[in-house]
């Protein structure tokens, strides 16, 4: 039994190391931006490409992602809804994991925003607060996507959970840049930070999460 537990710890070590490296890269990216000044050449090039693609039929999905990924909906309603849903599935550890990950991710985003104090682009289509790096919307999307993948997507048959999560993160990153509220490096930093937080918090409780019921069991069956 002890050898099995040790093997699990070893297998879990690499995701944690990867998450720590990703979060470290996000911080180093913010430091690089602060030292070199904003925007970087890659930021300007990517922004110019998206500005050329602005059209009414792109505005609606971008504005929807702005609404669902932040503010009251993304920061409060969605995390609480996830907790209620997971508790209904009799997954209390997963519910606690999701809300703690959301809170830690949001807290670190605000800390880095205050630390680096990066100016936002000048082409914003929506109002936003101060601090461009990292993107809170993308960090929130990455945290939610990775939390759900770690809770529901560790079986091979559920690979699609990871695909849907990755698509959501990419869509959110494109929307934030399209709306002109973030540079592309802000979205990269947000994705690394949000995903890293989820993995770091998952590792210590992975066994608890795995022991919870995977599907709702019908009563009386």
C-alpha atoms as a PDB file:
ATOM      1  CA  UNK A   1       0.000   0.000   0.000  1.00  0.00           C
ATOM      2  CA  UNK A   2       2.797   2.389   0.867  1.00  0.00           C
ATOM      3  CA  UNK A   3       4.479   1.723  -2.496  1.00  0.00           C
ATOM      4  CA  UNK A   4       1.235   2.560  -4.305  1.00  0.00           C
ATOM      5  CA  UNK A   5       0.925   5.839  -2.420  1.00  0.00           C
ATOM      6  CA  UNK A   6       4.530   6.681  -3.184  1.00  0.00           C
ATOM      7  CA  UNK A   7       3.961   5.978  -6.868  1.00  0.00           C
ATOM      8  CA  UNK A   8       0.963   8.290  -6.858  1.00  0.00           C
ATOM      9  CA  UNK A   9       3.024  11.042  -5.243  1.00  0.00           C
ATOM     10  CA  UNK A  10       5.727  10.660  -7.879  1.00  0.00           C
ATOM     11  CA  UNK A  11       3.193  10.776 -10.733  1.00  0.00           C
ATOM     12  CA  UNK A  12       1.616  13.857  -9.179  1.00  0.00           C
ATOM     13  CA  UNK A  13       4.933  15.632  -8.720  1.00  0.00           C
ATOM     14  CA  UNK A  14       5.406  16.461 -12.396  1.00  0.00           C
ATOM     15  CA  UNK A  15       2.084  18.291 -12.828  1.00  0.00           C
ATOM     16  CA  UNK A  16       2.912  20.328  -9.715  1.00  0.00           C
ATOM     17  CA  UNK A  17       6.386  21.149 -11.031  1.00  0.00           C
ATOM     18  CA  UNK A  18       4.851  22.139 -14.375  1.00  0.00           C
ATOM     19  CA  UNK A  19       2.273  24.321 -12.627  1.00  0.00           C
ATOM     20  CA  UNK A  20       4.955  26.028 -10.540  1.00  0.00           C
ATOM     21  CA  UNK A  21       7.043  26.667 -13.653  1.00  0.00           C
ATOM     22  CA  UNK A  22       4.010  28.076 -15.467  1.00  0.00           C
ATOM     23  CA  UNK A  23       3.180  30.428 -12.616  1.00  0.00           C
ATOM     24  CA  UNK A  24       6.823  31.458 -12.414  1.00  0.00           C
ATOM     25  CA  UNK A  25       6.854  32.198 -16.148  1.00  0.00           C
ATOM     26  CA  UNK A  26       3.753  34.373 -15.679  1.00  0.00           C
ATOM     27  CA  UNK A  27       5.515  36.411 -12.981  1.00  0.00           C
ATOM     28  CA  UNK A  28       8.698  36.679 -15.047  1.00  0.00           C
ATOM     29  CA  UNK A  29       6.661  37.791 -18.053  1.00  0.00           C
ATOM     30  CA  UNK A  30       5.102  40.541 -15.955  1.00  0.00           C
ATOM     31  CA  UNK A  31       8.543  41.589 -14.728  1.00  0.00           C
ATOM     32  CA  UNK A  32       9.880  41.653 -18.296  1.00  0.00           C
ATOM     33  CA  UNK A  33       6.992  43.845 -19.405  1.00  0.00           C
ATOM     34  CA  UNK A  34       7.577  46.200 -16.479  1.00  0.00           C
ATOM     35  CA  UNK A  35      11.286  46.471 -17.270  1.00  0.00           C
ATOM     36  CA  UNK A  36      11.006  46.833 -21.043  1.00  0.00           C
ATOM     37  CA  UNK A  37       7.908  48.983 -21.079  1.00  0.00           C
ATOM     38  CA  UNK A  38       4.500  48.385 -22.598  1.00  0.00           C
ATOM     39  CA  UNK A  39       3.479  47.281 -25.131  1.00  0.00           C
ATOM     40  CA  UNK A  40       5.912  44.707 -26.455  1.00  0.00           C
ATOM     41  CA  UNK A  41       6.338  44.345 -30.211  1.00  0.00           C
ATOM     42  CA  UNK A  42       4.364  41.084 -30.200  1.00  0.00           C
ATOM     43  CA  UNK A  43       1.538  42.828 -28.345  1.00  0.00           C
ATOM     44  CA  UNK A  44       1.277  45.591 -30.913  1.00  0.00           C
ATOM     45  CA  UNK A  45       1.427  43.221 -33.870  1.00  0.00           C
ATOM     46  CA  UNK A  46      -1.281  40.942 -32.456  1.00  0.00           C
ATOM     47  CA  UNK A  47      -3.494  43.883 -31.488  1.00  0.00           C
ATOM     48  CA  UNK A  48      -3.213  45.434 -34.949  1.00  0.00           C
ATOM     49  CA  UNK A  49      -4.273  42.140 -36.537  1.00  0.00           C
ATOM     50  CA  UNK A  50      -7.364  41.921 -34.345  1.00  0.00           C
ATOM     51  CA  UNK A  51      -8.304  45.564 -34.846  1.00  0.00           C
ATOM     52  CA  UNK A  52      -8.502  44.895 -38.579  1.00  0.00           C
ATOM     53  CA  UNK A  53     -10.991  42.082 -37.913  1.00  0.00           C
ATOM     54  CA  UNK A  54     -13.425  44.098 -35.800  1.00  0.00           C
ATOM     55  CA  UNK A  55     -16.977  43.690 -37.088  1.00  0.00           C
ATOM     56  CA  UNK A  56     -20.486  43.641 -35.552  1.00  0.00           C
ATOM     57  CA  UNK A  57     -20.781  39.837 -35.802  1.00  0.00           C
ATOM     58  CA  UNK A  58     -17.644  39.433 -33.676  1.00  0.00           C
ATOM     59  CA  UNK A  59     -18.751  41.973 -31.085  1.00  0.00           C
ATOM     60  CA  UNK A  60     -21.607  39.911 -29.642  1.00  0.00           C
ATOM     61  CA  UNK A  61     -19.626  36.765 -28.656  1.00  0.00           C
ATOM     62  CA  UNK A  62     -16.783  38.923 -27.329  1.00  0.00           C
ATOM     63  CA  UNK A  63     -19.188  40.965 -25.207  1.00  0.00           C
ATOM     64  CA  UNK A  64     -20.857  37.780 -23.953  1.00  0.00           C
ATOM     65  CA  UNK A  65     -17.494  36.398 -22.825  1.00  0.00           C
ATOM     66  CA  UNK A  66     -16.747  39.734 -21.173  1.00  0.00           C
ATOM     67  CA  UNK A  67     -19.998  39.393 -19.216  1.00  0.00           C
ATOM     68  CA  UNK A  68     -19.708  35.724 -18.266  1.00  0.00           C
ATOM     69  CA  UNK A  69     -15.989  35.759 -17.484  1.00  0.00           C
ATOM     70  CA  UNK A  70     -15.735  38.616 -15.037  1.00  0.00           C
ATOM     71  CA  UNK A  71     -17.525  41.220 -12.954  1.00  0.00           C
ATOM     72  CA  UNK A  72     -20.331  39.926 -10.704  1.00  0.00           C
ATOM     73  CA  UNK A  73     -21.166  36.971 -12.952  1.00  0.00           C
ATOM     74  CA  UNK A  74     -17.683  35.549 -13.423  1.00  0.00           C
ATOM     75  CA  UNK A  75     -16.279  36.351  -9.987  1.00  0.00           C
ATOM     76  CA  UNK A  76     -19.299  35.539  -7.797  1.00  0.00           C
ATOM     77  CA  UNK A  77     -22.236  33.866  -9.551  1.00  0.00           C
ATOM     78  CA  UNK A  78     -20.350  31.267 -11.620  1.00  0.00           C
ATOM     79  CA  UNK A  79     -18.133  30.041  -8.728  1.00  0.00           C
ATOM     80  CA  UNK A  80     -21.140  29.784  -6.398  1.00  0.00           C
ATOM     81  CA  UNK A  81     -23.148  27.975  -9.079  1.00  0.00           C
ATOM     82  CA  UNK A  82     -20.278  25.502  -9.485  1.00  0.00           C
ATOM     83  CA  UNK A  83     -20.245  24.843  -5.743  1.00  0.00           C
ATOM     84  CA  UNK A  84     -24.002  24.220  -5.685  1.00  0.00           C
ATOM     85  CA  UNK A  85     -23.756  21.923  -8.711  1.00  0.00           C
ATOM     86  CA  UNK A  86     -20.868  19.901  -7.272  1.00  0.00           C
ATOM     87  CA  UNK A  87     -22.591  19.582  -3.904  1.00  0.00           C
ATOM     88  CA  UNK A  88     -25.684  18.318  -5.723  1.00  0.00           C
ATOM     89  CA  UNK A  89     -23.448  15.652  -7.291  1.00  0.00           C
ATOM     90  CA  UNK A  90     -22.269  14.729  -3.771  1.00  0.00           C
ATOM     91  CA  UNK A  91     -18.763  16.036  -4.463  1.00  0.00           C
ATOM     92  CA  UNK A  92     -17.971  18.187  -1.388  1.00  0.00           C
ATOM     93  CA  UNK A  93     -14.205  18.029  -1.896  1.00  0.00           C
ATOM     94  CA  UNK A  94     -14.626  19.084  -5.516  1.00  0.00           C
ATOM     95  CA  UNK A  95     -16.920  21.927  -4.422  1.00  0.00           C
ATOM     96  CA  UNK A  96     -14.359  23.158  -1.904  1.00  0.00           C
ATOM     97  CA  UNK A  97     -11.574  22.775  -4.453  1.00  0.00           C
ATOM     98  CA  UNK A  98     -13.434  24.853  -7.030  1.00  0.00           C
ATOM     99  CA  UNK A  99     -14.266  27.777  -4.732  1.00  0.00           C
ATOM    100  CA  UNK A 100     -10.807  27.921  -3.134  1.00  0.00           C
ATOM    101  CA  UNK A 101      -9.128  27.785  -6.549  1.00  0.00           C
ATOM    102  CA  UNK A 102     -11.347  30.603  -7.827  1.00  0.00           C
ATOM    103  CA  UNK A 103     -10.586  32.751  -4.773  1.00  0.00           C
ATOM    104  CA  UNK A 104      -6.826  32.143  -4.859  1.00  0.00           C
ATOM    105  CA  UNK A 105      -6.669  32.789  -8.599  1.00  0.00           C
ATOM    106  CA  UNK A 106      -8.589  36.061  -8.274  1.00  0.00           C
ATOM    107  CA  UNK A 107      -6.424  37.150  -5.346  1.00  0.00           C
ATOM    108  CA  UNK A 108      -3.163  36.488  -7.179  1.00  0.00           C
ATOM    109  CA  UNK A 109      -4.448  38.332 -10.242  1.00  0.00           C
ATOM    110  CA  UNK A 110      -5.131  41.431  -8.171  1.00  0.00           C
ATOM    111  CA  UNK A 111      -1.742  41.138  -6.473  1.00  0.00           C
ATOM    112  CA  UNK A 112       0.101  41.005  -9.794  1.00  0.00           C
ATOM    113  CA  UNK A 113      -2.021  43.803 -11.254  1.00  0.00           C
ATOM    114  CA  UNK A 114      -1.005  46.035  -8.342  1.00  0.00           C
ATOM    115  CA  UNK A 115       2.630  44.896  -8.546  1.00  0.00           C
ATOM    116  CA  UNK A 116       3.150  45.507 -12.268  1.00  0.00           C
ATOM    117  CA  UNK A 117       0.533  48.263 -12.834  1.00  0.00           C
ATOM    118  CA  UNK A 118       0.567  47.807 -16.596  1.00  0.00           C
ATOM    119  CA  UNK A 119      -1.392  50.306 -18.681  1.00  0.00           C
ATOM    120  CA  UNK A 120      -4.251  48.934 -20.758  1.00  0.00           C
ATOM    121  CA  UNK A 121      -4.477  49.401 -24.540  1.00  0.00           C
ATOM    122  CA  UNK A 122      -6.048  52.563 -25.908  1.00  0.00           C
ATOM    123  CA  UNK A 123      -8.602  50.783 -28.096  1.00  0.00           C
ATOM    124  CA  UNK A 124     -11.029  49.463 -25.472  1.00  0.00           C
ATOM    125  CA  UNK A 125     -14.612  48.707 -26.508  1.00  0.00           C
ATOM    126  CA  UNK A 126     -15.709  48.181 -22.893  1.00  0.00           C
ATOM    127  CA  UNK A 127     -14.892  49.896 -19.621  1.00  0.00           C
ATOM    128  CA  UNK A 128     -12.389  48.170 -17.356  1.00  0.00           C
ATOM    129  CA  UNK A 129     -10.478  48.756 -14.145  1.00  0.00           C
ATOM    130  CA  UNK A 130      -6.802  49.580 -13.758  1.00  0.00           C
ATOM    131  CA  UNK A 131      -4.061  47.048 -14.325  1.00  0.00           C
ATOM    132  CA  UNK A 132      -3.706  45.135 -17.563  1.00  0.00           C
ATOM    133  CA  UNK A 133      -1.366  42.297 -16.519  1.00  0.00           C
ATOM    134  CA  UNK A 134      -2.463  39.582 -16.048  1.00  0.00           C
ATOM    135  CA  UNK A 135      -5.930  39.159 -17.523  1.00  0.00           C
ATOM    136  CA  UNK A 136      -8.376  38.314 -14.751  1.00  0.00           C
ATOM    137  CA  UNK A 137     -10.964  37.014 -17.206  1.00  0.00           C
ATOM    138  CA  UNK A 138      -8.489  34.569 -18.755  1.00  0.00           C
ATOM    139  CA  UNK A 139      -7.098  33.515 -15.374  1.00  0.00           C
ATOM    140  CA  UNK A 140     -10.651  32.835 -14.196  1.00  0.00           C
ATOM    141  CA  UNK A 141     -11.418  30.873 -17.383  1.00  0.00           C
ATOM    142  CA  UNK A 142      -8.246  28.809 -17.007  1.00  0.00           C
ATOM    143  CA  UNK A 143      -8.950  28.070 -13.353  1.00  0.00           C
ATOM    144  CA  UNK A 144     -12.513  26.926 -14.080  1.00  0.00           C
ATOM    145  CA  UNK A 145     -11.462  24.855 -17.102  1.00  0.00           C
ATOM    146  CA  UNK A 146      -8.625  23.074 -15.302  1.00  0.00           C
ATOM    147  CA  UNK A 147     -10.665  22.505 -12.133  1.00  0.00           C
ATOM    148  CA  UNK A 148     -13.429  20.840 -14.150  1.00  0.00           C
ATOM    149  CA  UNK A 149     -10.899  18.820 -16.146  1.00  0.00           C
ATOM    150  CA  UNK A 150      -9.200  17.574 -12.984  1.00  0.00           C
ATOM    151  CA  UNK A 151     -12.553  16.702 -11.390  1.00  0.00           C
ATOM    152  CA  UNK A 152     -14.269  15.135 -14.415  1.00  0.00           C
ATOM    153  CA  UNK A 153     -11.671  14.608 -17.140  1.00  0.00           C
ATOM    154  CA  UNK A 154      -9.008  12.274 -15.767  1.00  0.00           C
ATOM    155  CA  UNK A 155     -10.518   9.228 -17.446  1.00  0.00           C
ATOM    156  CA  UNK A 156      -9.386   8.595 -21.031  1.00  0.00           C
ATOM    157  CA  UNK A 157     -12.965   8.524 -22.284  1.00  0.00           C
ATOM    158  CA  UNK A 158     -13.425  12.107 -21.091  1.00  0.00           C
ATOM    159  CA  UNK A 159     -10.624  13.705 -23.095  1.00  0.00           C
ATOM    160  CA  UNK A 160     -13.220  16.045 -24.535  1.00  0.00           C
ATOM    161  CA  UNK A 161     -13.436  17.864 -21.167  1.00  0.00           C
ATOM    162  CA  UNK A 162      -9.871  19.068 -21.713  1.00  0.00           C
ATOM    163  CA  UNK A 163     -10.603  20.068 -25.318  1.00  0.00           C
ATOM    164  CA  UNK A 164     -13.670  22.091 -24.346  1.00  0.00           C
ATOM    165  CA  UNK A 165     -11.750  23.727 -21.499  1.00  0.00           C
ATOM    166  CA  UNK A 166      -8.834  24.659 -23.745  1.00  0.00           C
ATOM    167  CA  UNK A 167     -11.245  26.090 -26.332  1.00  0.00           C
ATOM    168  CA  UNK A 168     -12.899  28.202 -23.635  1.00  0.00           C
ATOM    169  CA  UNK A 169      -9.552  29.600 -22.485  1.00  0.00           C
ATOM    170  CA  UNK A 170      -8.488  30.458 -26.048  1.00  0.00           C
ATOM    171  CA  UNK A 171     -11.870  32.041 -26.812  1.00  0.00           C
ATOM    172  CA  UNK A 172     -11.656  34.167 -23.672  1.00  0.00           C
ATOM    173  CA  UNK A 173      -8.113  35.263 -24.517  1.00  0.00           C
ATOM    174  CA  UNK A 174      -9.117  36.260 -28.051  1.00  0.00           C
ATOM    175  CA  UNK A 175     -12.191  38.097 -26.760  1.00  0.00           C
ATOM    176  CA  UNK A 176     -10.198  40.132 -24.232  1.00  0.00           C
ATOM    177  CA  UNK A 177      -7.693  41.178 -26.871  1.00  0.00           C
ATOM    178  CA  UNK A 178     -10.403  41.788 -29.470  1.00  0.00           C
ATOM    179  CA  UNK A 179     -12.227  44.111 -27.066  1.00  0.00           C
ATOM    180  CA  UNK A 180      -8.992  46.018 -26.584  1.00  0.00           C
ATOM    181  CA  UNK A 181      -8.845  45.634 -22.808  1.00  0.00           C
ATOM    182  CA  UNK A 182      -5.737  43.424 -22.781  1.00  0.00           C
ATOM    183  CA  UNK A 183      -2.547  42.836 -24.678  1.00  0.00           C
ATOM    184  CA  UNK A 184      -1.940  39.261 -25.790  1.00  0.00           C
ATOM    185  CA  UNK A 185       0.824  38.837 -23.178  1.00  0.00           C
ATOM    186  CA  UNK A 186      -1.735  39.701 -20.489  1.00  0.00           C
ATOM    187  CA  UNK A 187      -3.845  36.761 -21.619  1.00  0.00           C
ATOM    188  CA  UNK A 188      -0.857  34.407 -21.676  1.00  0.00           C
ATOM    189  CA  UNK A 189       0.050  35.413 -18.144  1.00  0.00           C
ATOM    190  CA  UNK A 190      -3.543  34.971 -17.004  1.00  0.00           C
ATOM    191  CA  UNK A 191      -3.825  31.500 -18.542  1.00  0.00           C
ATOM    192  CA  UNK A 192      -0.570  30.309 -16.944  1.00  0.00           C
ATOM    193  CA  UNK A 193      -1.538  31.724 -13.571  1.00  0.00           C
ATOM    194  CA  UNK A 194      -5.093  30.375 -13.509  1.00  0.00           C
ATOM    195  CA  UNK A 195      -4.135  26.892 -14.684  1.00  0.00           C
ATOM    196  CA  UNK A 196      -1.179  26.762 -12.312  1.00  0.00           C
ATOM    197  CA  UNK A 197      -3.302  27.638  -9.297  1.00  0.00           C
ATOM    198  CA  UNK A 198      -5.786  24.877 -10.105  1.00  0.00           C
ATOM    199  CA  UNK A 199      -3.090  22.213 -10.442  1.00  0.00           C
ATOM    200  CA  UNK A 200      -1.207  23.319  -7.323  1.00  0.00           C
ATOM    201  CA  UNK A 201      -4.351  23.119  -5.216  1.00  0.00           C
ATOM    202  CA  UNK A 202      -5.424  19.812  -6.772  1.00  0.00           C
ATOM    203  CA  UNK A 203      -2.287  17.846  -5.911  1.00  0.00           C
ATOM    204  CA  UNK A 204      -2.709  17.663  -2.102  1.00  0.00           C
ATOM    205  CA  UNK A 205      -6.334  16.510  -2.337  1.00  0.00           C
ATOM    206  CA  UNK A 206      -6.225  14.396  -5.508  1.00  0.00           C
ATOM    207  CA  UNK A 207      -6.905  11.186  -3.587  1.00  0.00           C
ATOM    208  CA  UNK A 208      -9.882  12.758  -1.824  1.00  0.00           C
ATOM    209  CA  UNK A 209     -11.295  13.911  -5.144  1.00  0.00           C
ATOM    210  CA  UNK A 210     -10.780  10.497  -6.729  1.00  0.00           C
ATOM    211  CA  UNK A 211     -12.615   8.826  -3.845  1.00  0.00           C
ATOM    212  CA  UNK A 212     -15.762  10.874  -4.375  1.00  0.00           C
ATOM    213  CA  UNK A 213     -18.620   9.368  -6.438  1.00  0.00           C
ATOM    214  CA  UNK A 214     -18.114   9.867 -10.174  1.00  0.00           C
ATOM    215  CA  UNK A 215     -21.773   9.683 -11.138  1.00  0.00           C
ATOM    216  CA  UNK A 216     -25.035  10.181  -9.297  1.00  0.00           C
ATOM    217  CA  UNK A 217     -26.210   6.777  -8.095  1.00  0.00           C
ATOM    218  CA  UNK A 218     -29.976   6.163  -8.409  1.00  0.00           C
ATOM    219  CA  UNK A 219     -31.664   5.409  -5.128  1.00  0.00           C
ATOM    220  CA  UNK A 220     -33.270   2.059  -4.599  1.00  0.00           C
ATOM    221  CA  UNK A 221     -31.409   0.491  -7.544  1.00  0.00           C
END
